[in-house]
Structures are given as C-alpha cells and as structure tokens.
C-alpha cells in the first residue's frame, strides 16, 4: 500500500500544531484503552483464580463423596450377602421340617 508506507522524508517533517493535537488525542485514547484492557485482564485473572480454587474445593468434596459411596456400596454388598445367607438358612430349615413330617 503505497500511501501508508513511511519514508525518511515524512519521518523528519515537523507536524503542524493541529496534527500534533490529533496525534496526542489518539495517543491518550490508546493509553486509556490499554489501561482499560489491563484492568479487564487483571479482573479476569482474579476471577479465574477464584474459579480454580472453587474447582479444586469441589473436586476434593467429590472425591470424599466417592469414598463414602464406595464404603456404602461395600456395606450394602455385605448386607445383601448376609440376607442371602439368612434366606438360604431359612429355606434349608423349611426343607428339613418338611422332610421330617
């Protein structure tokens, strides 16, 4: 793009007061915009840190729940085995009493 290229002659040319004012205005706008972006990034990083801490806490709680559920599963399996044994003993007792008659 021929019109946008910098050459040595245009770099060394003094700017008019109007051009200097326009340049200063846009420099201030860019600085303000950059400060806003910096603040946004800082707030975003803080929120991400909070979310990560919450995620770690939630994962810890979930791991604890999984351990508890594993213990409950083991207890239920033990109870079911015991009930099956009791049921089998009850059925054997009925069969023996029927045979005795």
PDB file of N, CA and C in Angstrom:
ATOM      1  N   UNK A   1       0.849  -1.161   0.000  1.00  0.00           N
ATOM      2  CA  UNK A   1       0.000   0.000   0.000  1.00  0.00           C
ATOM      3  C   UNK A   1       0.899   1.230   0.000  1.00  0.00           C
ATOM      4  N   UNK A   2       0.887   1.893  -1.081  1.00  0.00           N
ATOM      5  CA  UNK A   2       1.849   2.965  -1.307  1.00  0.00           C
ATOM      6  C   UNK A   2       1.643   4.151  -0.376  1.00  0.00           C
ATOM      7  N   UNK A   3       0.431   4.507  -0.070  1.00  0.00           N
ATOM      8  CA  UNK A   3       0.168   5.703   0.726  1.00  0.00           C
ATOM      9  C   UNK A   3       0.487   5.549   2.200  1.00  0.00           C
ATOM     10  N   UNK A   4       0.589   4.328   2.724  1.00  0.00           N
ATOM     11  CA  UNK A   4       0.774   4.108   4.150  1.00  0.00           C
ATOM     12  C   UNK A   4       2.215   3.828   4.539  1.00  0.00           C
ATOM     13  N   UNK A   5       3.108   3.731   3.579  1.00  0.00           N
ATOM     14  CA  UNK A   5       4.491   3.406   3.896  1.00  0.00           C
ATOM     15  C   UNK A   5       5.215   4.631   4.426  1.00  0.00           C
ATOM     16  N   UNK A   6       6.058   4.436   5.444  1.00  0.00           N
ATOM     17  CA  UNK A   6       6.865   5.527   5.993  1.00  0.00           C
ATOM     18  C   UNK A   6       8.150   5.644   5.183  1.00  0.00           C
ATOM     19  N   UNK A   7       8.505   6.858   4.885  1.00  0.00           N
ATOM     20  CA  UNK A   7       9.822   7.079   4.297  1.00  0.00           C
ATOM     21  C   UNK A   7      10.573   8.068   5.170  1.00  0.00           C
ATOM     22  N   UNK A   8      11.850   8.190   4.966  1.00  0.00           N
ATOM     23  CA  UNK A   8      12.674   9.045   5.813  1.00  0.00           C
ATOM     24  C   UNK A   8      12.230  10.490   5.758  1.00  0.00           C
ATOM     25  N   UNK A   9      11.767  10.941   4.626  1.00  0.00           N
ATOM     26  CA  UNK A   9      11.371  12.346   4.489  1.00  0.00           C
ATOM     27  C   UNK A   9      10.152  12.658   5.348  1.00  0.00           C
ATOM     28  N   UNK A  10       9.163  11.746   5.389  1.00  0.00           N
ATOM     29  CA  UNK A  10       7.954  12.022   6.178  1.00  0.00           C
ATOM     30  C   UNK A  10       8.220  11.899   7.665  1.00  0.00           C
ATOM     31  N   UNK A  11       9.194  11.095   8.054  1.00  0.00           N
ATOM     32  CA  UNK A  11       9.548  10.943   9.472  1.00  0.00           C
ATOM     33  C   UNK A  11      10.168  12.216  10.036  1.00  0.00           C
ATOM     34  N   UNK A  12      10.936  12.890   9.229  1.00  0.00           N
ATOM     35  CA  UNK A  12      11.656  14.068   9.699  1.00  0.00           C
ATOM     36  C   UNK A  12      10.868  15.358   9.535  1.00  0.00           C
ATOM     37  N   UNK A  13       9.717  15.286   8.916  1.00  0.00           N
ATOM     38  CA  UNK A  13       8.924  16.508   8.710  1.00  0.00           C
ATOM     39  C   UNK A  13       8.282  16.927  10.019  1.00  0.00           C
ATOM     40  N   UNK A  14       8.343  18.216  10.355  1.00  0.00           N
ATOM     41  CA  UNK A  14       7.663  18.694  11.562  1.00  0.00           C
ATOM     42  C   UNK A  14       6.153  18.668  11.349  1.00  0.00           C
ATOM     43  N   UNK A  15       5.437  18.390  12.429  1.00  0.00           N
ATOM     44  CA  UNK A  15       3.977  18.344  12.344  1.00  0.00           C
ATOM     45  C   UNK A  15       3.404  19.707  12.681  1.00  0.00           C
ATOM     46  N   UNK A  16       2.269  19.978  12.093  1.00  0.00           N
ATOM     47  CA  UNK A  16       1.574  21.231  12.408  1.00  0.00           C
ATOM     48  C   UNK A  16       0.969  21.108  13.797  1.00  0.00           C
ATOM     49  N   UNK A  17       0.650  22.205  14.456  1.00  0.00           N
ATOM     50  CA  UNK A  17       0.010  22.141  15.774  1.00  0.00           C
ATOM     51  C   UNK A  17      -1.274  21.316  15.754  1.00  0.00           C
ATOM     52  N   UNK A  18      -2.038  21.419  14.677  1.00  0.00           N
ATOM     53  CA  UNK A  18      -3.290  20.645  14.570  1.00  0.00           C
ATOM     54  C   UNK A  18      -2.981  19.152  14.527  1.00  0.00           C
ATOM     55  N   UNK A  19      -1.992  18.762  13.718  1.00  0.00           N
ATOM     56  CA  UNK A  19      -1.612  17.356  13.607  1.00  0.00           C
ATOM     57  C   UNK A  19      -1.068  16.840  14.935  1.00  0.00           C
ATOM     58  N   UNK A  20      -0.238  17.664  15.609  1.00  0.00           N
ATOM     59  CA  UNK A  20       0.279  17.280  16.918  1.00  0.00           C
ATOM     60  C   UNK A  20      -0.859  17.056  17.906  1.00  0.00           C
ATOM     61  N   UNK A  21      -1.868  17.928  17.875  1.00  0.00           N
ATOM     62  CA  UNK A  21      -3.029  17.779  18.762  1.00  0.00           C
ATOM     63  C   UNK A  21      -3.786  16.493  18.481  1.00  0.00           C
ATOM     64  N   UNK A  22      -3.952  16.178  17.198  1.00  0.00           N
ATOM     65  CA  UNK A  22      -4.658  14.947  16.813  1.00  0.00           C
ATOM     66  C   UNK A  22      -3.864  13.726  17.284  1.00  0.00           C
ATOM     67  N   UNK A  23      -2.544  13.775  17.069  1.00  0.00           N
ATOM     68  CA  UNK A  23      -1.695  12.657  17.498  1.00  0.00           C
ATOM     69  C   UNK A  23      -1.777  12.475  19.011  1.00  0.00           C
ATOM     70  N   UNK A  24      -1.674  13.571  19.761  1.00  0.00           N
ATOM     71  CA  UNK A  24      -1.747  13.498  21.223  1.00  0.00           C
ATOM     72  C   UNK A  24      -3.098  12.951  21.677  1.00  0.00           C
ATOM     73  N   UNK A  25      -4.161  13.391  20.991  1.00  0.00           N
ATOM     74  CA  UNK A  25      -5.506  12.910  21.331  1.00  0.00           C
ATOM     75  C   UNK A  25      -5.582  11.387  21.170  1.00  0.00           C
ATOM     76  N   UNK A  26      -5.097  10.893  20.032  1.00  0.00           N
ATOM     77  CA  UNK A  26      -5.170   9.456  19.792  1.00  0.00           C
ATOM     78  C   UNK A  26      -4.217   8.674  20.698  1.00  0.00           C
ATOM     79  N   UNK A  27      -3.080   9.258  21.043  1.00  0.00           N
ATOM     80  CA  UNK A  27      -2.176   8.606  21.994  1.00  0.00           C
ATOM     81  C   UNK A  27      -2.875   8.456  23.337  1.00  0.00           C
ATOM     82  N   UNK A  28      -3.590   9.506  23.775  1.00  0.00           N
ATOM     83  CA  UNK A  28      -4.342   9.420  25.042  1.00  0.00           C
ATOM     84  C   UNK A  28      -5.441   8.364  24.955  1.00  0.00           C
ATOM     85  N   UNK A  29      -6.143   8.341  23.825  1.00  0.00           N
ATOM     86  CA  UNK A  29      -7.197   7.328  23.653  1.00  0.00           C
ATOM     87  C   UNK A  29      -6.627   5.911  23.722  1.00  0.00           C
ATOM     88  N   UNK A  30      -5.496   5.696  23.057  1.00  0.00           N
ATOM     89  CA  UNK A  30      -4.880   4.364  23.059  1.00  0.00           C
ATOM     90  C   UNK A  30      -4.423   4.002  24.468  1.00  0.00           C
ATOM     91  N   UNK A  31      -3.801   4.957  25.181  1.00  0.00           N
ATOM     92  CA  UNK A  31      -3.361   4.686  26.556  1.00  0.00           C
ATOM     93  C   UNK A  31      -4.544   4.354  27.451  1.00  0.00           C
ATOM     94  N   UNK A  32      -5.630   5.128  27.322  1.00  0.00           N
ATOM     95  CA  UNK A  32      -6.831   4.867  28.122  1.00  0.00           C
ATOM     96  C   UNK A  32      -7.391   3.481  27.798  1.00  0.00           C
ATOM     97  N   UNK A  33      -7.429   3.169  26.514  1.00  0.00           N
ATOM     98  CA  UNK A  33      -7.936   1.860  26.094  1.00  0.00           C
ATOM     99  C   UNK A  33      -7.046   0.747  26.646  1.00  0.00           C
ATOM    100  N   UNK A  34      -5.743   0.928  26.585  1.00  0.00           N
ATOM    101  CA  UNK A  34      -4.810  -0.079  27.099  1.00  0.00           C
ATOM    102  C   UNK A  34      -4.964  -0.250  28.609  1.00  0.00           C
ATOM    103  N   UNK A  35      -5.150   0.853  29.333  1.00  0.00           N
ATOM    104  CA  UNK A  35      -5.359   0.756  30.782  1.00  0.00           C
ATOM    105  C   UNK A  35      -6.635  -0.024  31.083  1.00  0.00           C
ATOM    106  N   UNK A  36      -7.684   0.255  30.297  1.00  0.00           N
ATOM    107  CA  UNK A  36      -8.934  -0.486  30.467  1.00  0.00           C
ATOM    108  C   UNK A  36      -8.745  -1.968  30.208  1.00  0.00           C
ATOM    109  N   UNK A  37      -7.997  -2.278  29.151  1.00  0.00           N
ATOM    110  CA  UNK A  37      -7.729  -3.686  28.843  1.00  0.00           C
ATOM    111  C   UNK A  37      -6.903  -4.339  29.943  1.00  0.00           C
ATOM    112  N   UNK A  38      -5.909  -3.608  30.462  1.00  0.00           N
ATOM    113  CA  UNK A  38      -5.103  -4.143  31.567  1.00  0.00           C
ATOM    114  C   UNK A  38      -5.978  -4.443  32.780  1.00  0.00           C
ATOM    115  N   UNK A  39      -6.901  -3.531  33.087  1.00  0.00           N
ATOM    116  CA  UNK A  39      -7.815  -3.753  34.218  1.00  0.00           C
ATOM    117  C   UNK A  39      -8.708  -4.961  33.962  1.00  0.00           C
ATOM    118  N   UNK A  40      -9.207  -5.068  32.728  1.00  0.00           N
ATOM    119  CA  UNK A  40     -10.056  -6.213  32.385  1.00  0.00           C
ATOM    120  C   UNK A  40      -9.296  -7.528  32.538  1.00  0.00           C
ATOM    121  N   UNK A  41      -8.047  -7.546  32.090  1.00  0.00           N
ATOM    122  CA  UNK A  41      -7.230  -8.759  32.205  1.00  0.00           C
ATOM    123  C   UNK A  41      -6.986  -9.091  33.672  1.00  0.00           C
ATOM    124  N   UNK A  42      -6.723  -8.062  34.485  1.00  0.00           N
ATOM    125  CA  UNK A  42      -6.484  -8.292  35.913  1.00  0.00           C
ATOM    126  C   UNK A  42      -7.728  -8.870  36.583  1.00  0.00           C
ATOM    127  N   UNK A  43      -8.893  -8.293  36.294  1.00  0.00           N
ATOM    128  CA  UNK A  43     -10.145  -8.794  36.878  1.00  0.00           C
ATOM    129  C   UNK A  43     -10.409 -10.219  36.396  1.00  0.00           C
ATOM    130  N   UNK A  44     -10.176 -10.462  35.114  1.00  0.00           N
ATOM    131  CA  UNK A  44     -10.384 -11.805  34.566  1.00  0.00           C
ATOM    132  C   UNK A  44      -9.468 -12.816  35.249  1.00  0.00           C
ATOM    133  N   UNK A  45      -8.215 -12.444  35.452  1.00  0.00           N
ATOM    134  CA  UNK A  45      -7.280 -13.348  36.133  1.00  0.00           C
ATOM    135  C   UNK A  45      -7.713 -13.623  37.566  1.00  0.00           C
ATOM    136  N   UNK A  46      -8.215 -12.597  38.261  1.00  0.00           N
ATOM    137  CA  UNK A  46      -8.700 -12.801  39.631  1.00  0.00           C
ATOM    138  C   UNK A  46      -9.892 -13.753  39.644  1.00  0.00           C
ATOM    139  N   UNK A  47     -10.815 -13.547  38.708  1.00  0.00           N
ATOM    140  CA  UNK A  47     -11.991 -14.426  38.631  1.00  0.00           C
ATOM    141  C   UNK A  47     -11.576 -15.852  38.285  1.00  0.00           C
ATOM    142  N   UNK A  48     -10.611 -15.995  37.377  1.00  0.00           N
ATOM    143  CA  UNK A  48     -10.122 -17.332  37.028  1.00  0.00           C
ATOM    144  C   UNK A  48      -9.504 -18.007  38.247  1.00  0.00           C
ATOM    145  N   UNK A  49      -8.769 -17.244  39.042  1.00  0.00           N
ATOM    146  CA  UNK A  49      -8.187 -17.796  40.265  1.00  0.00           C
ATOM    147  C   UNK A  49      -9.259 -18.275  41.223  1.00  0.00           C
ATOM    148  N   UNK A  50     -10.328 -17.476  41.352  1.00  0.00           N
ATOM    149  CA  UNK A  50     -11.434 -17.871  42.229  1.00  0.00           C
ATOM    150  C   UNK A  50     -12.108 -19.132  41.703  1.00  0.00           C
ATOM    151  N   UNK A  51     -12.319 -19.185  40.389  1.00  0.00           N
ATOM    152  CA  UNK A  51     -12.948 -20.372  39.800  1.00  0.00           C
ATOM    153  C   UNK A  51     -12.069 -21.610  39.974  1.00  0.00           C
ATOM    154  N   UNK A  52     -10.769 -21.444  39.812  1.00  0.00           N
ATOM    155  CA  UNK A  52      -9.863 -22.578  40.005  1.00  0.00           C
ATOM    156  C   UNK A  52      -9.886 -23.059  41.449  1.00  0.00           C
ATOM    157  N   UNK A  53      -9.924 -22.117  42.396  1.00  0.00           N
ATOM    158  CA  UNK A  53      -9.993 -22.503  43.814  1.00  0.00           C
ATOM    159  C   UNK A  53     -11.299 -23.239  44.093  1.00  0.00           C
ATOM    160  N   UNK A  54     -12.393 -22.746  43.518  1.00  0.00           N
ATOM    161  CA  UNK A  54     -13.692 -23.399  43.694  1.00  0.00           C
ATOM    162  C   UNK A  54     -13.673 -24.789  43.072  1.00  0.00           C
ATOM    163  N   UNK A  55     -13.053 -24.905  41.904  1.00  0.00           N
ATOM    164  CA  UNK A  55     -12.971 -26.209  41.241  1.00  0.00           C
ATOM    165  C   UNK A  55     -12.165 -27.197  42.078  1.00  0.00           C
ATOM    166  N   UNK A  56     -11.059 -26.745  42.642  1.00  0.00           N
ATOM    167  CA  UNK A  56     -10.239 -27.624  43.490  1.00  0.00           C
ATOM    168  C   UNK A  56     -11.042 -28.075  44.702  1.00  0.00           C
ATOM    169  N   UNK A  57     -11.753 -27.133  45.335  1.00  0.00           N
ATOM    170  CA  UNK A  57     -12.580 -27.462  46.504  1.00  0.00           C
ATOM    171  C   UNK A  57     -13.679 -28.452  46.124  1.00  0.00           C
ATOM    172  N   UNK A  58     -14.317 -28.204  44.989  1.00  0.00           N
ATOM    173  CA  UNK A  58     -15.386 -29.096  44.529  1.00  0.00           C
ATOM    174  C   UNK A  58     -14.839 -30.482  44.218  1.00  0.00           C
ATOM    175  N   UNK A  59     -13.681 -30.548  43.579  1.00  0.00           N
ATOM    176  CA  UNK A  59     -13.076 -31.849  43.277  1.00  0.00           C
ATOM    177  C   UNK A  59     -12.726 -32.611  44.546  1.00  0.00           C
ATOM    178  N   UNK A  60     -12.257 -31.889  45.565  1.00  0.00           N
ATOM    179  CA  UNK A  60     -11.944 -32.528  46.846  1.00  0.00           C
ATOM    180  C   UNK A  60     -13.213 -33.097  47.476  1.00  0.00           C
ATOM    181  N   UNK A  61     -14.276 -32.292  47.471  1.00  0.00           N
ATOM    182  CA  UNK A  61     -15.548 -32.764  48.030  1.00  0.00           C
ATOM    183  C   UNK A  61     -16.074 -33.959  47.246  1.00  0.00           C
ATOM    184  N   UNK A  62     -15.961 -33.907  45.929  1.00  0.00           N
ATOM    185  CA  UNK A  62     -16.420 -35.019  45.095  1.00  0.00           C
ATOM    186  C   UNK A  62     -15.622 -36.286  45.394  1.00  0.00           C
ATOM    187  N   UNK A  63     -14.329 -36.150  45.573  1.00  0.00           N
ATOM    188  CA  UNK A  63     -13.503 -37.313  45.914  1.00  0.00           C
ATOM    189  C   UNK A  63     -13.940 -37.904  47.247  1.00  0.00           C
ATOM    190  N   UNK A  64     -14.261 -37.042  48.213  1.00  0.00           N
ATOM    191  CA  UNK A  64     -14.744 -37.527  49.512  1.00  0.00           C
ATOM    192  C   UNK A  64     -16.077 -38.249  49.362  1.00  0.00           C
ATOM    193  N   UNK A  65     -16.964 -37.703  48.536  1.00  0.00           N
ATOM    194  CA  UNK A  65     -18.260 -38.354  48.300  1.00  0.00           C
ATOM    195  C   UNK A  65     -18.040 -39.715  47.646  1.00  0.00           C
ATOM    196  N   UNK A  66     -17.107 -39.791  46.705  1.00  0.00           N
ATOM    197  CA  UNK A  66     -16.829 -41.068  46.047  1.00  0.00           C
ATOM    198  C   UNK A  66     -16.321 -42.105  47.040  1.00  0.00           C
ATOM    199  N   UNK A  67     -15.498 -41.690  47.989  1.00  0.00           N
ATOM    200  CA  UNK A  67     -15.008 -42.613  49.024  1.00  0.00           C
ATOM    201  C   UNK A  67     -16.179 -43.097  49.874  1.00  0.00           C
ATOM    202  N   UNK A  68     -17.056 -42.176  50.264  1.00  0.00           N
ATOM    203  CA  UNK A  68     -18.218 -42.535  51.087  1.00  0.00           C
ATOM    204  C   UNK A  68     -19.127 -43.496  50.330  1.00  0.00           C
ATOM    205  N   UNK A  69     -19.366 -43.212  49.044  1.00  0.00           N
ATOM    206  CA  UNK A  69     -20.220 -44.086  48.236  1.00  0.00           C
ATOM    207  C   UNK A  69     -19.589 -45.475  48.120  1.00  0.00           C
ATOM    208  N   UNK A  70     -18.285 -45.547  47.997  1.00  0.00           N
ATOM    209  CA  UNK A  70     -17.612 -46.850  47.927  1.00  0.00           C
ATOM    210  C   UNK A  70     -17.822 -47.633  49.220  1.00  0.00           C
ATOM    211  N   UNK A  71     -17.743 -46.939  50.363  1.00  0.00           N
ATOM    212  CA  UNK A  71     -17.992 -47.611  51.651  1.00  0.00           C
ATOM    213  C   UNK A  71     -19.447 -48.078  51.742  1.00  0.00           C
ATOM    214  N   UNK A  72     -20.362 -47.245  51.288  1.00  0.00           N
ATOM    215  CA  UNK A  72     -21.782 -47.619  51.313  1.00  0.00           C
ATOM    216  C   UNK A  72     -22.013 -48.832  50.415  1.00  0.00           C
ATOM    217  N   UNK A  73     -21.425 -48.825  49.220  1.00  0.00           N
ATOM    218  CA  UNK A  73     -21.562 -49.973  48.313  1.00  0.00           C
ATOM    219  C   UNK A  73     -21.048 -51.252  48.962  1.00  0.00           C
ATOM    220  N   UNK A  74     -19.908 -51.144  49.618  1.00  0.00           N
ATOM    221  CA  UNK A  74     -19.330 -52.314  50.286  1.00  0.00           C
ATOM    222  C   UNK A  74     -20.252 -52.794  51.404  1.00  0.00           C
ATOM    223  N   UNK A  75     -20.801 -51.852  52.183  1.00  0.00           N
ATOM    224  CA  UNK A  75     -21.714 -52.223  53.272  1.00  0.00           C
ATOM    225  C   UNK A  75     -22.981 -52.864  52.729  1.00  0.00           C
ATOM    226  N   UNK A  76     -23.526 -52.298  51.650  1.00  0.00           N
ATOM    227  CA  UNK A  76     -24.736 -52.877  51.055  1.00  0.00           C
ATOM    228  C   UNK A  76     -24.462 -54.276  50.508  1.00  0.00           C
ATOM    229  N   UNK A  77     -23.313 -54.454  49.889  1.00  0.00           N
ATOM    230  CA  UNK A  77     -22.971 -55.785  49.376  1.00  0.00           C
ATOM    231  C   UNK A  77     -22.862 -56.786  50.520  1.00  0.00           C
ATOM    232  N   UNK A  78     -22.278 -56.366  51.626  1.00  0.00           N
ATOM    233  CA  UNK A  78     -22.168 -57.239  52.804  1.00  0.00           C
ATOM    234  C   UNK A  78     -23.552 -57.576  53.344  1.00  0.00           C
ATOM    235  N   UNK A  79     -24.425 -56.572  53.432  1.00  0.00           N
ATOM    236  CA  UNK A  79     -25.798 -56.813  53.913  1.00  0.00           C
ATOM    237  C   UNK A  79     -26.543 -57.774  52.991  1.00  0.00           C
ATOM    238  N   UNK A  80     -26.430 -57.557  51.690  1.00  0.00           N
ATOM    239  CA  UNK A  80     -27.119 -58.445  50.749  1.00  0.00           C
ATOM    240  C   UNK A  80     -26.607 -59.874  50.860  1.00  0.00           C
ATOM    241  N   UNK A  81     -25.295 -60.031  51.005  1.00  0.00           N
ATOM    242  CA  UNK A  81     -24.734 -61.367  51.189  1.00  0.00           C
ATOM    243  C   UNK A  81     -25.296 -62.007  52.454  1.00  0.00           C
ATOM    244  N   UNK A  82     -25.361 -61.228  53.519  1.00  0.00           N
ATOM    245  CA  UNK A  82     -25.878 -61.738  54.805  1.00  0.00           C
ATOM    246  C   UNK A  82     -27.353 -62.128  54.681  1.00  0.00           C
ATOM    247  N   UNK A  83     -28.135 -61.268  53.997  1.00  0.00           N
ATOM    248  CA  UNK A  83     -29.558 -61.596  53.794  1.00  0.00           C
ATOM    249  C   UNK A  83     -29.706 -62.861  52.954  1.00  0.00           C
ATOM    250  N   UNK A  84     -28.868 -63.013  51.938  1.00  0.00           N
ATOM    251  CA  UNK A  84     -28.913 -64.226  51.120  1.00  0.00           C
ATOM    252  C   UNK A  84     -28.599 -65.461  51.962  1.00  0.00           C
ATOM    253  N   UNK A  85     -27.598 -65.336  52.844  1.00  0.00           N
ATOM    254  CA  UNK A  85     -27.262 -66.453  53.734  1.00  0.00           C
ATOM    255  C   UNK A  85     -28.426 -66.763  54.666  1.00  0.00           C
ATOM    256  N   UNK A  86     -29.047 -65.730  55.233  1.00  0.00           N
ATOM    257  CA  UNK A  86     -30.184 -65.943  56.139  1.00  0.00           C
ATOM    258  C   UNK A  86     -31.343 -66.586  55.391  1.00  0.00           C
ATOM    259  N   UNK A  87     -31.576 -66.122  54.156  1.00  0.00           N
ATOM    260  CA  UNK A  87     -32.659 -66.681  53.356  1.00  0.00           C
ATOM    261  C   UNK A  87     -32.371 -68.151  53.024  1.00  0.00           C
ATOM    262  N   UNK A  88     -31.124 -68.434  52.696  1.00  0.00           N
ATOM    263  CA  UNK A  88     -30.749 -69.820  52.392  1.00  0.00           C
ATOM    264  C   UNK A  88     -30.911 -70.695  53.627  1.00  0.00           C
ATOM    265  N   UNK A  89     -30.522 -70.211  54.801  1.00  0.00           N
ATOM    266  CA  UNK A  89     -30.680 -70.976  56.045  1.00  0.00           C
ATOM    267  C   UNK A  89     -32.154 -71.185  56.364  1.00  0.00           C
ATOM    268  N   UNK A  90     -32.971 -70.176  56.125  1.00  0.00           N
ATOM    269  CA  UNK A  90     -34.414 -70.298  56.376  1.00  0.00           C
ATOM    270  C   UNK A  90     -35.015 -71.342  55.446  1.00  0.00           C
ATOM    271  N   UNK A  91     -34.626 -71.315  54.181  1.00  0.00           N
ATOM    272  CA  UNK A  91     -35.148 -72.293  53.225  1.00  0.00           C
ATOM    273  C   UNK A  91     -34.693 -73.701  53.580  1.00  0.00           C
ATOM    274  N   UNK A  92     -33.468 -73.873  54.035  1.00  0.00           N
ATOM    275  CA  UNK A  92     -32.987 -75.186  54.444  1.00  0.00           C
ATOM    276  C   UNK A  92     -33.765 -75.675  55.659  1.00  0.00           C
ATOM    277  N   UNK A  93     -34.073 -74.783  56.572  1.00  0.00           N
ATOM    278  CA  UNK A  93     -34.844 -75.150  57.762  1.00  0.00           C
ATOM    279  C   UNK A  93     -36.239 -75.614  57.390  1.00  0.00           C
ATOM    280  N   UNK A  94     -36.876 -74.940  56.416  1.00  0.00           N
ATOM    281  CA  UNK A  94     -38.207 -75.358  55.965  1.00  0.00           C
ATOM    282  C   UNK A  94     -38.139 -76.703  55.256  1.00  0.00           C
ATOM    283  N   UNK A  95     -37.124 -76.910  54.473  1.00  0.00           N
ATOM    284  CA  UNK A  95     -36.987 -78.175  53.758  1.00  0.00           C
ATOM    285  C   UNK A  95     -36.770 -79.327  54.739  1.00  0.00           C
ATOM    286  N   UNK A  96     -35.979 -79.102  55.786  1.00  0.00           N
ATOM    287  CA  UNK A  96     -35.728 -80.149  56.774  1.00  0.00           C
ATOM    288  C   UNK A  96     -37.001 -80.468  57.549  1.00  0.00           C
ATOM    289  N   UNK A  97     -37.791 -79.442  57.884  1.00  0.00           N
ATOM    290  CA  UNK A  97     -39.020 -79.705  58.634  1.00  0.00           C
ATOM    291  C   UNK A  97     -40.045 -80.411  57.759  1.00  0.00           C
ATOM    292  N   UNK A  98     -40.052 -80.152  56.465  1.00  0.00           N
ATOM    293  CA  UNK A  98     -40.967 -80.846  55.559  1.00  0.00           C
ATOM    294  C   UNK A  98     -40.543 -82.300  55.429  1.00  0.00           C
ATOM    295  N   UNK A  99     -39.246 -82.550  55.363  1.00  0.00           N
ATOM    296  CA  UNK A  99     -38.752 -83.915  55.254  1.00  0.00           C
ATOM    297  C   UNK A  99     -39.036 -84.705  56.528  1.00  0.00           C
ATOM    298  N   UNK A 100     -39.009 -84.045  57.694  1.00  0.00           N
ATOM    299  CA  UNK A 100     -39.270 -84.723  58.960  1.00  0.00           C
ATOM    300  C   UNK A 100     -40.730 -85.156  59.061  1.00  0.00           C
ATOM    301  N   UNK A 101     -41.618 -84.469  58.401  1.00  0.00           N
ATOM    302  CA  UNK A 101     -43.041 -84.804  58.500  1.00  0.00           C
ATOM    303  C   UNK A 101     -43.330 -85.989  57.697  1.00  0.00           C
TER     304      UNK A 101
END
